[in-house]
Amino acid sequence: MNSITVLELKELIDTQKDFQLIDVREKHEYDVCNLEGELIPLNTVPLNIDKISKDKIVVVHCRSGKRSASAISFLEQNHDFSNLYNLEGGILAWADKIDLNMPKY
């Protein structure tokens, strides 16, 4: 499984690279804090395959990296994705290393 650090993600954002950011947390978590990615909760990933790009880098994240790893495993094993990257440490790592004012839960 490919992975990306929060510093690498920040560079993608800062340099305005063409990539897709997917948040697989639940809506109530997204409402607490988010990175403005597309919200596709983990249990709805199988219903939203068509929303996930196969043509560019896709960064998938959750709170700590476990749910996003599950989503990526499912997509790679069942739908032949090869362009997915798991955000190491999830949004908690982002709050710890990039945005110190971001609420954690």
PDB file of N, CA and C in Angstrom:
ATOM      1  N   MET A   1       0.855  -1.193   0.000  1.00  0.00           N
ATOM      2  CA  MET A   1       0.000   0.000   0.000  1.00  0.00           C
ATOM      3  C   MET A   1       0.890   1.242   0.000  1.00  0.00           C
ATOM      4  N   ASN A   2       0.566   2.151  -0.902  1.00  0.00           N
ATOM      5  CA  ASN A   2       1.286   3.421  -0.942  1.00  0.00           C
ATOM      6  C   ASN A   2       0.858   4.287   0.232  1.00  0.00           C
ATOM      7  N   SER A   3       1.781   5.104   0.705  1.00  0.00           N
ATOM      8  CA  SER A   3       1.429   6.040   1.772  1.00  0.00           C
ATOM      9  C   SER A   3       2.069   7.391   1.480  1.00  0.00           C
ATOM     10  N   ILE A   4       1.566   8.393   2.170  1.00  0.00           N
ATOM     11  CA  ILE A   4       2.034   9.768   2.020  1.00  0.00           C
ATOM     12  C   ILE A   4       2.038  10.396   3.402  1.00  0.00           C
ATOM     13  N   THR A   5       3.026  11.232   3.682  1.00  0.00           N
ATOM     14  CA  THR A   5       3.084  11.918   4.971  1.00  0.00           C
ATOM     15  C   THR A   5       2.265  13.205   4.899  1.00  0.00           C
ATOM     16  N   VAL A   6       1.990  13.759   6.058  1.00  0.00           N
ATOM     17  CA  VAL A   6       1.254  15.028   6.067  1.00  0.00           C
ATOM     18  C   VAL A   6       2.083  16.142   5.430  1.00  0.00           C
ATOM     19  N   LEU A   7       3.403  16.078   5.561  1.00  0.00           N
ATOM     20  CA  LEU A   7       4.256  17.087   4.928  1.00  0.00           C
ATOM     21  C   LEU A   7       4.179  16.976   3.401  1.00  0.00           C
ATOM     22  N   GLU A   8       4.150  15.750   2.894  1.00  0.00           N
ATOM     23  CA  GLU A   8       4.013  15.554   1.450  1.00  0.00           C
ATOM     24  C   GLU A   8       2.637  16.005   0.965  1.00  0.00           C
ATOM     25  N   LEU A   9       1.593  15.741   1.749  1.00  0.00           N
ATOM     26  CA  LEU A   9       0.257  16.206   1.388  1.00  0.00           C
ATOM     27  C   LEU A   9       0.203  17.729   1.370  1.00  0.00           C
ATOM     28  N   LYS A  10       0.802  18.364   2.357  1.00  0.00           N
ATOM     29  CA  LYS A  10       0.815  19.830   2.392  1.00  0.00           C
ATOM     30  C   LYS A  10       1.503  20.384   1.150  1.00  0.00           C
ATOM     31  N   GLU A  11       2.572  19.720   0.707  1.00  0.00           N
ATOM     32  CA  GLU A  11       3.258  20.163  -0.509  1.00  0.00           C
ATOM     33  C   GLU A  11       2.354  20.023  -1.735  1.00  0.00           C
ATOM     34  N   LEU A  12       1.589  18.928  -1.822  1.00  0.00           N
ATOM     35  CA  LEU A  12       0.630  18.772  -2.925  1.00  0.00           C
ATOM     36  C   LEU A  12      -0.377  19.915  -2.932  1.00  0.00           C
ATOM     37  N   ILE A  13      -0.863  20.256  -1.740  1.00  0.00           N
ATOM     38  CA  ILE A  13      -1.853  21.336  -1.615  1.00  0.00           C
ATOM     39  C   ILE A  13      -1.214  22.680  -1.971  1.00  0.00           C
ATOM     40  N   ASP A  14      -0.054  22.958  -1.375  1.00  0.00           N
ATOM     41  CA  ASP A  14       0.606  24.251  -1.586  1.00  0.00           C
ATOM     42  C   ASP A  14       1.012  24.480  -3.037  1.00  0.00           C
ATOM     43  N   THR A  15       1.382  23.425  -3.737  1.00  0.00           N
ATOM     44  CA  THR A  15       1.807  23.561  -5.131  1.00  0.00           C
ATOM     45  C   THR A  15       0.643  23.355  -6.107  1.00  0.00           C
ATOM     46  N   GLN A  16      -0.548  23.196  -5.554  1.00  0.00           N
ATOM     47  CA  GLN A  16      -1.784  23.062  -6.336  1.00  0.00           C
ATOM     48  C   GLN A  16      -1.711  21.931  -7.361  1.00  0.00           C
ATOM     49  N   LYS A  17      -1.137  20.808  -6.926  1.00  0.00           N
ATOM     50  CA  LYS A  17      -1.106  19.623  -7.791  1.00  0.00           C
ATOM     51  C   LYS A  17      -2.526  19.123  -8.014  1.00  0.00           C
ATOM     52  N   ASP A  18      -2.720  18.472  -9.131  1.00  0.00           N
ATOM     53  CA  ASP A  18      -4.024  17.900  -9.441  1.00  0.00           C
ATOM     54  C   ASP A  18      -4.117  16.532  -8.784  1.00  0.00           C
ATOM     55  N   PHE A  19      -4.828  16.472  -7.670  1.00  0.00           N
ATOM     56  CA  PHE A  19      -5.028  15.219  -6.953  1.00  0.00           C
ATOM     57  C   PHE A  19      -6.397  15.250  -6.301  1.00  0.00           C
ATOM     58  N   GLN A  20      -6.842  14.089  -5.842  1.00  0.00           N
ATOM     59  CA  GLN A  20      -8.133  13.992  -5.163  1.00  0.00           C
ATOM     60  C   GLN A  20      -7.876  13.628  -3.708  1.00  0.00           C
ATOM     61  N   LEU A  21      -8.586  14.287  -2.812  1.00  0.00           N
ATOM     62  CA  LEU A  21      -8.480  14.013  -1.380  1.00  0.00           C
ATOM     63  C   LEU A  21      -9.818  13.462  -0.910  1.00  0.00           C
ATOM     64  N   ILE A  22      -9.775  12.264  -0.336  1.00  0.00           N
ATOM     65  CA  ILE A  22     -10.998  11.610   0.134  1.00  0.00           C
ATOM     66  C   ILE A  22     -10.899  11.364   1.629  1.00  0.00           C
ATOM     67  N   ASP A  23     -11.930  11.746   2.339  1.00  0.00           N
ATOM     68  CA  ASP A  23     -12.050  11.577   3.793  1.00  0.00           C
ATOM     69  C   ASP A  23     -13.055  10.462   4.042  1.00  0.00           C
ATOM     70  N   VAL A  24     -12.611   9.373   4.678  1.00  0.00           N
ATOM     71  CA  VAL A  24     -13.512   8.235   4.900  1.00  0.00           C
ATOM     72  C   VAL A  24     -14.072   8.194   6.327  1.00  0.00           C
ATOM     73  N   ARG A  25     -13.967   9.319   7.039  1.00  0.00           N
ATOM     74  CA  ARG A  25     -14.560   9.386   8.377  1.00  0.00           C
ATOM     75  C   ARG A  25     -16.071   9.602   8.262  1.00  0.00           C
ATOM     76  N   GLU A  26     -16.732   9.640   9.401  1.00  0.00           N
ATOM     77  CA  GLU A  26     -18.172   9.906   9.443  1.00  0.00           C
ATOM     78  C   GLU A  26     -18.420  11.416   9.416  1.00  0.00           C
ATOM     79  N   LYS A  27     -19.644  11.799   9.027  1.00  0.00           N
ATOM     80  CA  LYS A  27     -19.976  13.226   8.902  1.00  0.00           C
ATOM     81  C   LYS A  27     -19.755  13.983  10.207  1.00  0.00           C
ATOM     82  N   HIS A  28     -20.108  13.390  11.351  1.00  0.00           N
ATOM     83  CA  HIS A  28     -19.933  14.110  12.616  1.00  0.00           C
ATOM     84  C   HIS A  28     -18.445  14.359  12.908  1.00  0.00           C
ATOM     85  N   GLU A  29     -17.560  13.502  12.424  1.00  0.00           N
ATOM     86  CA  GLU A  29     -16.119  13.724  12.581  1.00  0.00           C
ATOM     87  C   GLU A  29     -15.653  14.832  11.632  1.00  0.00           C
ATOM     88  N   TYR A  30     -16.144  14.776  10.410  1.00  0.00           N
ATOM     89  CA  TYR A  30     -15.820  15.778   9.395  1.00  0.00           C
ATOM     90  C   TYR A  30     -16.231  17.167   9.882  1.00  0.00           C
ATOM     91  N   ASP A  31     -17.367  17.238  10.578  1.00  0.00           N
ATOM     92  CA  ASP A  31     -17.861  18.520  11.080  1.00  0.00           C
ATOM     93  C   ASP A  31     -16.969  19.104  12.166  1.00  0.00           C
ATOM     94  N   VAL A  32     -16.232  18.263  12.897  1.00  0.00           N
ATOM     95  CA  VAL A  32     -15.318  18.741  13.942  1.00  0.00           C
ATOM     96  C   VAL A  32     -14.095  19.394  13.300  1.00  0.00           C
ATOM     97  N   CYS A  33     -13.508  18.715  12.327  1.00  0.00           N
ATOM     98  CA  CYS A  33     -12.338  19.233  11.626  1.00  0.00           C
ATOM     99  C   CYS A  33     -12.192  18.469  10.318  1.00  0.00           C
ATOM    100  N   ASN A  34     -11.679  19.149   9.300  1.00  0.00           N
ATOM    101  CA  ASN A  34     -11.493  18.473   8.021  1.00  0.00           C
ATOM    102  C   ASN A  34     -10.438  19.187   7.193  1.00  0.00           C
ATOM    103  N   LEU A  35     -10.008  18.502   6.142  1.00  0.00           N
ATOM    104  CA  LEU A  35      -9.010  19.036   5.219  1.00  0.00           C
ATOM    105  C   LEU A  35      -9.646  19.439   3.888  1.00  0.00           C
ATOM    106  N   GLU A  36     -10.970  19.579   3.897  1.00  0.00           N
ATOM    107  CA  GLU A  36     -11.756  19.975   2.730  1.00  0.00           C
ATOM    108  C   GLU A  36     -11.718  18.927   1.619  1.00  0.00           C
ATOM    109  N   GLY A  37     -11.501  17.680   2.008  1.00  0.00           N
ATOM    110  CA  GLY A  37     -11.578  16.595   1.047  1.00  0.00           C
ATOM    111  C   GLY A  37     -13.021  16.184   0.827  1.00  0.00           C
ATOM    112  N   GLU A  38     -13.213  15.300  -0.127  1.00  0.00           N
ATOM    113  CA  GLU A  38     -14.553  14.786  -0.403  1.00  0.00           C
ATOM    114  C   GLU A  38     -14.905  13.734   0.648  1.00  0.00           C
ATOM    115  N   LEU A  39     -16.027  13.918   1.313  1.00  0.00           N
ATOM    116  CA  LEU A  39     -16.454  12.989   2.359  1.00  0.00           C
ATOM    117  C   LEU A  39     -17.143  11.772   1.746  1.00  0.00           C
ATOM    118  N   ILE A  40     -16.506  10.613   1.917  1.00  0.00           N
ATOM    119  CA  ILE A  40     -17.088   9.335   1.511  1.00  0.00           C
ATOM    120  C   ILE A  40     -16.863   8.377   2.684  1.00  0.00           C
ATOM    121  N   PRO A  41     -17.786   8.349   3.650  1.00  0.00           N
ATOM    122  CA  PRO A  41     -17.587   7.489   4.826  1.00  0.00           C
ATOM    123  C   PRO A  41     -17.263   6.045   4.425  1.00  0.00           C
ATOM    124  N   LEU A  42     -16.421   5.417   5.225  1.00  0.00           N
ATOM    125  CA  LEU A  42     -15.911   4.090   4.910  1.00  0.00           C
ATOM    126  C   LEU A  42     -17.005   3.118   4.491  1.00  0.00           C
ATOM    127  N   ASN A  43     -18.119   3.086   5.212  1.00  0.00           N
ATOM    128  CA  ASN A  43     -19.171   2.118   4.888  1.00  0.00           C
ATOM    129  C   ASN A  43     -19.884   2.428   3.576  1.00  0.00           C
ATOM    130  N   THR A  44     -19.634   3.612   2.990  1.00  0.00           N
ATOM    131  CA  THR A  44     -20.262   3.956   1.715  1.00  0.00           C
ATOM    132  C   THR A  44     -19.289   3.857   0.535  1.00  0.00           C
ATOM    133  N   VAL A  45     -18.039   3.522   0.805  1.00  0.00           N
ATOM    134  CA  VAL A  45     -17.047   3.424  -0.274  1.00  0.00           C
ATOM    135  C   VAL A  45     -17.508   2.481  -1.394  1.00  0.00           C
ATOM    136  N   PRO A  46     -18.016   1.276  -1.076  1.00  0.00           N
ATOM    137  CA  PRO A  46     -18.449   0.387  -2.165  1.00  0.00           C
ATOM    138  C   PRO A  46     -19.547   0.973  -3.055  1.00  0.00           C
ATOM    139  N   LEU A  47     -20.325   1.907  -2.518  1.00  0.00           N
ATOM    140  CA  LEU A  47     -21.401   2.530  -3.284  1.00  0.00           C
ATOM    141  C   LEU A  47     -20.935   3.753  -4.078  1.00  0.00           C
ATOM    142  N   ASN A  48     -19.694   4.166  -3.843  1.00  0.00           N
ATOM    143  CA  ASN A  48     -19.200   5.407  -4.447  1.00  0.00           C
ATOM    144  C   ASN A  48     -17.918   5.211  -5.259  1.00  0.00           C
ATOM    145  N   ILE A  49     -17.717   4.022  -5.790  1.00  0.00           N
ATOM    146  CA  ILE A  49     -16.524   3.725  -6.574  1.00  0.00           C
ATOM    147  C   ILE A  49     -16.363   4.726  -7.722  1.00  0.00           C
ATOM    148  N   ASP A  50     -17.468   5.092  -8.339  1.00  0.00           N
ATOM    149  CA  ASP A  50     -17.425   5.988  -9.494  1.00  0.00           C
ATOM    150  C   ASP A  50     -16.970   7.406  -9.143  1.00  0.00           C
ATOM    151  N   LYS A  51     -16.946   7.767  -7.862  1.00  0.00           N
ATOM    152  CA  LYS A  51     -16.501   9.099  -7.446  1.00  0.00           C
ATOM    153  C   LYS A  51     -14.990   9.157  -7.224  1.00  0.00           C
ATOM    154  N   ILE A  52     -14.329   8.006  -7.285  1.00  0.00           N
ATOM    155  CA  ILE A  52     -12.902   7.936  -6.974  1.00  0.00           C
ATOM    156  C   ILE A  52     -12.114   7.835  -8.283  1.00  0.00           C
ATOM    157  N   SER A  53     -11.227   8.784  -8.479  1.00  0.00           N
ATOM    158  CA  SER A  53     -10.463   8.863  -9.731  1.00  0.00           C
ATOM    159  C   SER A  53      -9.469   7.709  -9.865  1.00  0.00           C
ATOM    160  N   LYS A  54      -9.306   7.244 -11.087  1.00  0.00           N
ATOM    161  CA  LYS A  54      -8.244   6.283 -11.412  1.00  0.00           C
ATOM    162  C   LYS A  54      -7.163   6.960 -12.249  1.00  0.00           C
ATOM    163  N   ASP A  55      -7.357   8.242 -12.542  1.00  0.00           N
ATOM    164  CA  ASP A  55      -6.481   8.963 -13.458  1.00  0.00           C
ATOM    165  C   ASP A  55      -5.486   9.906 -12.791  1.00  0.00           C
ATOM    166  N   LYS A  56      -5.550  10.052 -11.482  1.00  0.00           N
ATOM    167  CA  LYS A  56      -4.615  10.932 -10.780  1.00  0.00           C
ATOM    168  C   LYS A  56      -4.382  10.399  -9.371  1.00  0.00           C
ATOM    169  N   ILE A  57      -3.453  10.998  -8.668  1.00  0.00           N
ATOM    170  CA  ILE A  57      -3.175  10.605  -7.285  1.00  0.00           C
ATOM    171  C   ILE A  57      -4.429  10.830  -6.451  1.00  0.00           C
ATOM    172  N   VAL A  58      -4.754   9.836  -5.634  1.00  0.00           N
ATOM    173  CA  VAL A  58      -5.870   9.950  -4.698  1.00  0.00           C
ATOM    174  C   VAL A  58      -5.321   9.703  -3.297  1.00  0.00           C
ATOM    175  N   VAL A  59      -5.446  10.706  -2.434  1.00  0.00           N
ATOM    176  CA  VAL A  59      -5.030  10.579  -1.043  1.00  0.00           C
ATOM    177  C   VAL A  59      -6.273  10.291  -0.220  1.00  0.00           C
ATOM    178  N   VAL A  60      -6.234   9.203   0.529  1.00  0.00           N
ATOM    179  CA  VAL A  60      -7.368   8.795   1.355  1.00  0.00           C
ATOM    180  C   VAL A  60      -6.949   8.969   2.808  1.00  0.00           C
ATOM    181  N   HIS A  61      -7.822   9.576   3.609  1.00  0.00           N
ATOM    182  CA  HIS A  61      -7.472   9.753   5.014  1.00  0.00           C
ATOM    183  C   HIS A  61      -8.668   9.542   5.929  1.00  0.00           C
ATOM    184  N   CYS A  62      -8.342   9.323   7.193  1.00  0.00           N
ATOM    185  CA  CYS A  62      -9.341   9.204   8.253  1.00  0.00           C
ATOM    186  C   CYS A  62      -8.744   9.875   9.490  1.00  0.00           C
ATOM    187  N   ARG A  63      -9.098   9.427  10.653  1.00  0.00           N
ATOM    188  CA  ARG A  63      -8.584  10.030  11.879  1.00  0.00           C
ATOM    189  C   ARG A  63      -7.128   9.655  12.124  1.00  0.00           C
ATOM    190  N   SER A  64      -6.812   8.352  12.029  1.00  0.00           N
ATOM    191  CA  SER A  64      -5.458   7.900  12.358  1.00  0.00           C
ATOM    192  C   SER A  64      -4.775   7.119  11.244  1.00  0.00           C
ATOM    193  N   GLY A  65      -5.512   6.708  10.234  1.00  0.00           N
ATOM    194  CA  GLY A  65      -4.939   5.959   9.128  1.00  0.00           C
ATOM    195  C   GLY A  65      -5.438   4.535   8.983  1.00  0.00           C
ATOM    196  N   LYS A  66      -6.189   4.043   9.954  1.00  0.00           N
ATOM    197  CA  LYS A  66      -6.657   2.651   9.899  1.00  0.00           C
ATOM    198  C   LYS A  66      -7.839   2.469   8.944  1.00  0.00           C
ATOM    199  N   ARG A  67      -8.837   3.325   9.059  1.00  0.00           N
ATOM    200  CA  ARG A  67     -10.002   3.199   8.171  1.00  0.00           C
ATOM    201  C   ARG A  67      -9.625   3.484   6.721  1.00  0.00           C
ATOM    202  N   SER A  68      -8.768   4.459   6.530  1.00  0.00           N
ATOM    203  CA  SER A  68      -8.343   4.758   5.161  1.00  0.00           C
ATOM    204  C   SER A  68      -7.547   3.592   4.585  1.00  0.00           C
ATOM    205  N   ALA A  69      -6.749   2.920   5.402  1.00  0.00           N
ATOM    206  CA  ALA A  69      -6.027   1.730   4.935  1.00  0.00           C
ATOM    207  C   ALA A  69      -7.012   0.632   4.541  1.00  0.00           C
ATOM    208  N   SER A  70      -8.080   0.478   5.300  1.00  0.00           N
ATOM    209  CA  SER A  70      -9.116  -0.508   4.959  1.00  0.00           C
ATOM    210  C   SER A  70      -9.785  -0.166   3.635  1.00  0.00           C
ATOM    211  N   ALA A  71     -10.095   1.107   3.450  1.00  0.00           N
ATOM    212  CA  ALA A  71     -10.728   1.539   2.200  1.00  0.00           C
ATOM    213  C   ALA A  71      -9.802   1.264   1.013  1.00  0.00           C
ATOM    214  N   ILE A  72      -8.528   1.594   1.174  1.00  0.00           N
ATOM    215  CA  ILE A  72      -7.564   1.388   0.092  1.00  0.00           C
ATOM    216  C   ILE A  72      -7.408  -0.094  -0.211  1.00  0.00           C
ATOM    217  N   SER A  73      -7.298  -0.921   0.811  1.00  0.00           N
ATOM    218  CA  SER A  73      -7.188  -2.367   0.589  1.00  0.00           C
ATOM    219  C   SER A  73      -8.375  -2.897  -0.206  1.00  0.00           C
ATOM    220  N   PHE A  74      -9.575  -2.482   0.184  1.00  0.00           N
ATOM    221  CA  PHE A  74     -10.783  -2.898  -0.533  1.00  0.00           C
ATOM    222  C   PHE A  74     -10.727  -2.469  -1.998  1.00  0.00           C
ATOM    223  N   LEU A  75     -10.389  -1.217  -2.229  1.00  0.00           N
ATOM    224  CA  LEU A  75     -10.374  -0.681  -3.593  1.00  0.00           C
ATOM    225  C   LEU A  75      -9.294  -1.330  -4.448  1.00  0.00           C
ATOM    226  N   GLU A  76      -8.126  -1.572  -3.867  1.00  0.00           N
ATOM    227  CA  GLU A  76      -7.045  -2.201  -4.624  1.00  0.00           C
ATOM    228  C   GLU A  76      -7.361  -3.664  -4.943  1.00  0.00           C
ATOM    229  N   GLN A  77      -7.922  -4.375  -3.991  1.00  0.00           N
ATOM    230  CA  GLN A  77      -8.191  -5.804  -4.178  1.00  0.00           C
ATOM    231  C   GLN A  77      -9.402  -6.078  -5.059  1.00  0.00           C
ATOM    232  N   ASN A  78     -10.397  -5.220  -4.997  1.00  0.00           N
ATOM    233  CA  ASN A  78     -11.651  -5.497  -5.688  1.00  0.00           C
ATOM    234  C   ASN A  78     -11.921  -4.645  -6.924  1.00  0.00           C
ATOM    235  N   HIS A  79     -11.194  -3.541  -7.067  1.00  0.00           N
ATOM    236  CA  HIS A  79     -11.496  -2.626  -8.167  1.00  0.00           C
ATOM    237  C   HIS A  79     -10.253  -2.141  -8.913  1.00  0.00           C
ATOM    238  N   ASP A  80      -9.137  -2.810  -8.712  1.00  0.00           N
ATOM    239  CA  ASP A  80      -7.908  -2.563  -9.477  1.00  0.00           C
ATOM    240  C   ASP A  80      -7.378  -1.133  -9.423  1.00  0.00           C
ATOM    241  N   PHE A  81      -7.533  -0.469  -8.292  1.00  0.00           N
ATOM    242  CA  PHE A  81      -6.930   0.853  -8.125  1.00  0.00           C
ATOM    243  C   PHE A  81      -5.442   0.679  -7.848  1.00  0.00           C
ATOM    244  N   SER A  82      -4.629   1.568  -8.408  1.00  0.00           N
ATOM    245  CA  SER A  82      -3.188   1.534  -8.143  1.00  0.00           C
ATOM    246  C   SER A  82      -2.627   2.928  -7.857  1.00  0.00           C
ATOM    247  N   ASN A  83      -3.505   3.901  -7.720  1.00  0.00           N
ATOM    248  CA  ASN A  83      -3.116   5.302  -7.564  1.00  0.00           C
ATOM    249  C   ASN A  83      -3.509   5.872  -6.202  1.00  0.00           C
ATOM    250  N   LEU A  84      -3.735   5.007  -5.220  1.00  0.00           N
ATOM    251  CA  LEU A  84      -4.227   5.437  -3.908  1.00  0.00           C
ATOM    252  C   LEU A  84      -3.082   5.552  -2.900  1.00  0.00           C
ATOM    253  N   TYR A  85      -3.160   6.573  -2.060  1.00  0.00           N
ATOM    254  CA  TYR A  85      -2.152   6.810  -1.030  1.00  0.00           C
ATOM    255  C   TYR A  85      -2.850   7.012   0.306  1.00  0.00           C
ATOM    256  N   ASN A  86      -2.371   6.296   1.309  1.00  0.00           N
ATOM    257  CA  ASN A  86      -2.913   6.416   2.659  1.00  0.00           C
ATOM    258  C   ASN A  86      -2.160   7.525   3.394  1.00  0.00           C
ATOM    259  N   LEU A  87      -2.894   8.447   4.016  1.00  0.00           N
ATOM    260  CA  LEU A  87      -2.262   9.520   4.784  1.00  0.00           C
ATOM    261  C   LEU A  87      -1.781   8.960   6.119  1.00  0.00           C
ATOM    262  N   GLU A  88      -0.463   8.890   6.287  1.00  0.00           N
ATOM    263  CA  GLU A  88       0.134   8.337   7.504  1.00  0.00           C
ATOM    264  C   GLU A  88      -0.286   9.156   8.719  1.00  0.00           C
ATOM    265  N   GLY A  89      -0.887   8.504   9.698  1.00  0.00           N
ATOM    266  CA  GLY A  89      -1.295   9.181  10.924  1.00  0.00           C
ATOM    267  C   GLY A  89      -2.603   9.939  10.830  1.00  0.00           C
ATOM    268  N   GLY A  90      -3.180   9.996   9.633  1.00  0.00           N
ATOM    269  CA  GLY A  90      -4.476  10.634   9.439  1.00  0.00           C
ATOM    270  C   GLY A  90      -4.510  12.101   9.825  1.00  0.00           C
ATOM    271  N   ILE A  91      -5.715  12.555  10.105  1.00  0.00           N
ATOM    272  CA  ILE A  91      -5.909  13.973  10.422  1.00  0.00           C
ATOM    273  C   ILE A  91      -5.281  14.334  11.776  1.00  0.00           C
ATOM    274  N   LEU A  92      -5.076  13.339  12.639  1.00  0.00           N
ATOM    275  CA  LEU A  92      -4.378  13.607  13.906  1.00  0.00           C
ATOM    276  C   LEU A  92      -2.939  14.048  13.636  1.00  0.00           C
ATOM    277  N   ALA A  93      -2.269  13.409  12.688  1.00  0.00           N
ATOM    278  CA  ALA A  93      -0.903  13.807  12.329  1.00  0.00           C
ATOM    279  C   ALA A  93      -0.897  15.207  11.733  1.00  0.00           C
ATOM    280  N   TRP A  94      -1.913  15.515  10.929  1.00  0.00           N
ATOM    281  CA  TRP A  94      -2.026  16.860  10.363  1.00  0.00           C
ATOM    282  C   TRP A  94      -2.139  17.892  11.489  1.00  0.00           C
ATOM    283  N   ALA A  95      -2.974  17.599  12.470  1.00  0.00           N
ATOM    284  CA  ALA A  95      -3.162  18.514  13.604  1.00  0.00           C
ATOM    285  C   ALA A  95      -1.876  18.651  14.426  1.00  0.00           C
ATOM    286  N   ASP A  96      -1.104  17.582  14.521  1.00  0.00           N
ATOM    287  CA  ASP A  96       0.134  17.612  15.304  1.00  0.00           C
ATOM    288  C   ASP A  96       1.281  18.311  14.582  1.00  0.00           C
ATOM    289  N   LYS A  97       1.332  18.205  13.247  1.00  0.00           N
ATOM    290  CA  LYS A  97       2.510  18.681  12.514  1.00  0.00           C
ATOM    291  C   LYS A  97       2.266  19.873  11.603  1.00  0.00           C
ATOM    292  N   ILE A  98       1.024  20.077  11.170  1.00  0.00           N
ATOM    293  CA  ILE A  98       0.763  21.139  10.186  1.00  0.00           C
ATOM    294  C   ILE A  98      -0.107  22.248  10.767  1.00  0.00           C
ATOM    295  N   ASP A  99      -1.253  21.908  11.317  1.00  0.00           N
ATOM    296  CA  ASP A  99      -2.194  22.906  11.832  1.00  0.00           C
ATOM    297  C   ASP A  99      -2.404  22.667  13.328  1.00  0.00           C
ATOM    298  N   LEU A 100      -1.575  23.311  14.125  1.00  0.00           N
ATOM    299  CA  LEU A 100      -1.601  23.102  15.570  1.00  0.00           C
ATOM    300  C   LEU A 100      -2.882  23.613  16.226  1.00  0.00           C
ATOM    301  N   ASN A 101      -3.654  24.420  15.500  1.00  0.00           N
ATOM    302  CA  ASN A 101      -4.921  24.948  16.027  1.00  0.00           C
ATOM    303  C   ASN A 101      -6.119  24.065  15.661  1.00  0.00           C
ATOM    304  N   MET A 102      -5.874  23.024  14.869  1.00  0.00           N
ATOM    305  CA  MET A 102      -6.972  22.152  14.463  1.00  0.00           C
ATOM    306  C   MET A 102      -7.452  21.344  15.665  1.00  0.00           C
ATOM    307  N   PRO A 103      -8.772  21.311  15.900  1.00  0.00           N
ATOM    308  CA  PRO A 103      -9.283  20.520  17.017  1.00  0.00           C
ATOM    309  C   PRO A 103      -9.018  19.034  16.810  1.00  0.00           C
ATOM    310  N   LYS A 104      -8.706  18.345  17.890  1.00  0.00           N
ATOM    311  CA  LYS A 104      -8.526  16.891  17.844  1.00  0.00           C
ATOM    312  C   LYS A 104      -9.631  16.258  18.676  1.00  0.00           C
ATOM    313  N   TYR A 105      -9.987  15.059  18.329  1.00  0.00           N
ATOM    314  CA  TYR A 105     -11.027  14.360  19.055  1.00  0.00           C
ATOM    315  C   TYR A 105     -10.637  12.929  19.230  1.00  0.00           C
TER     316      TYR A 105
END
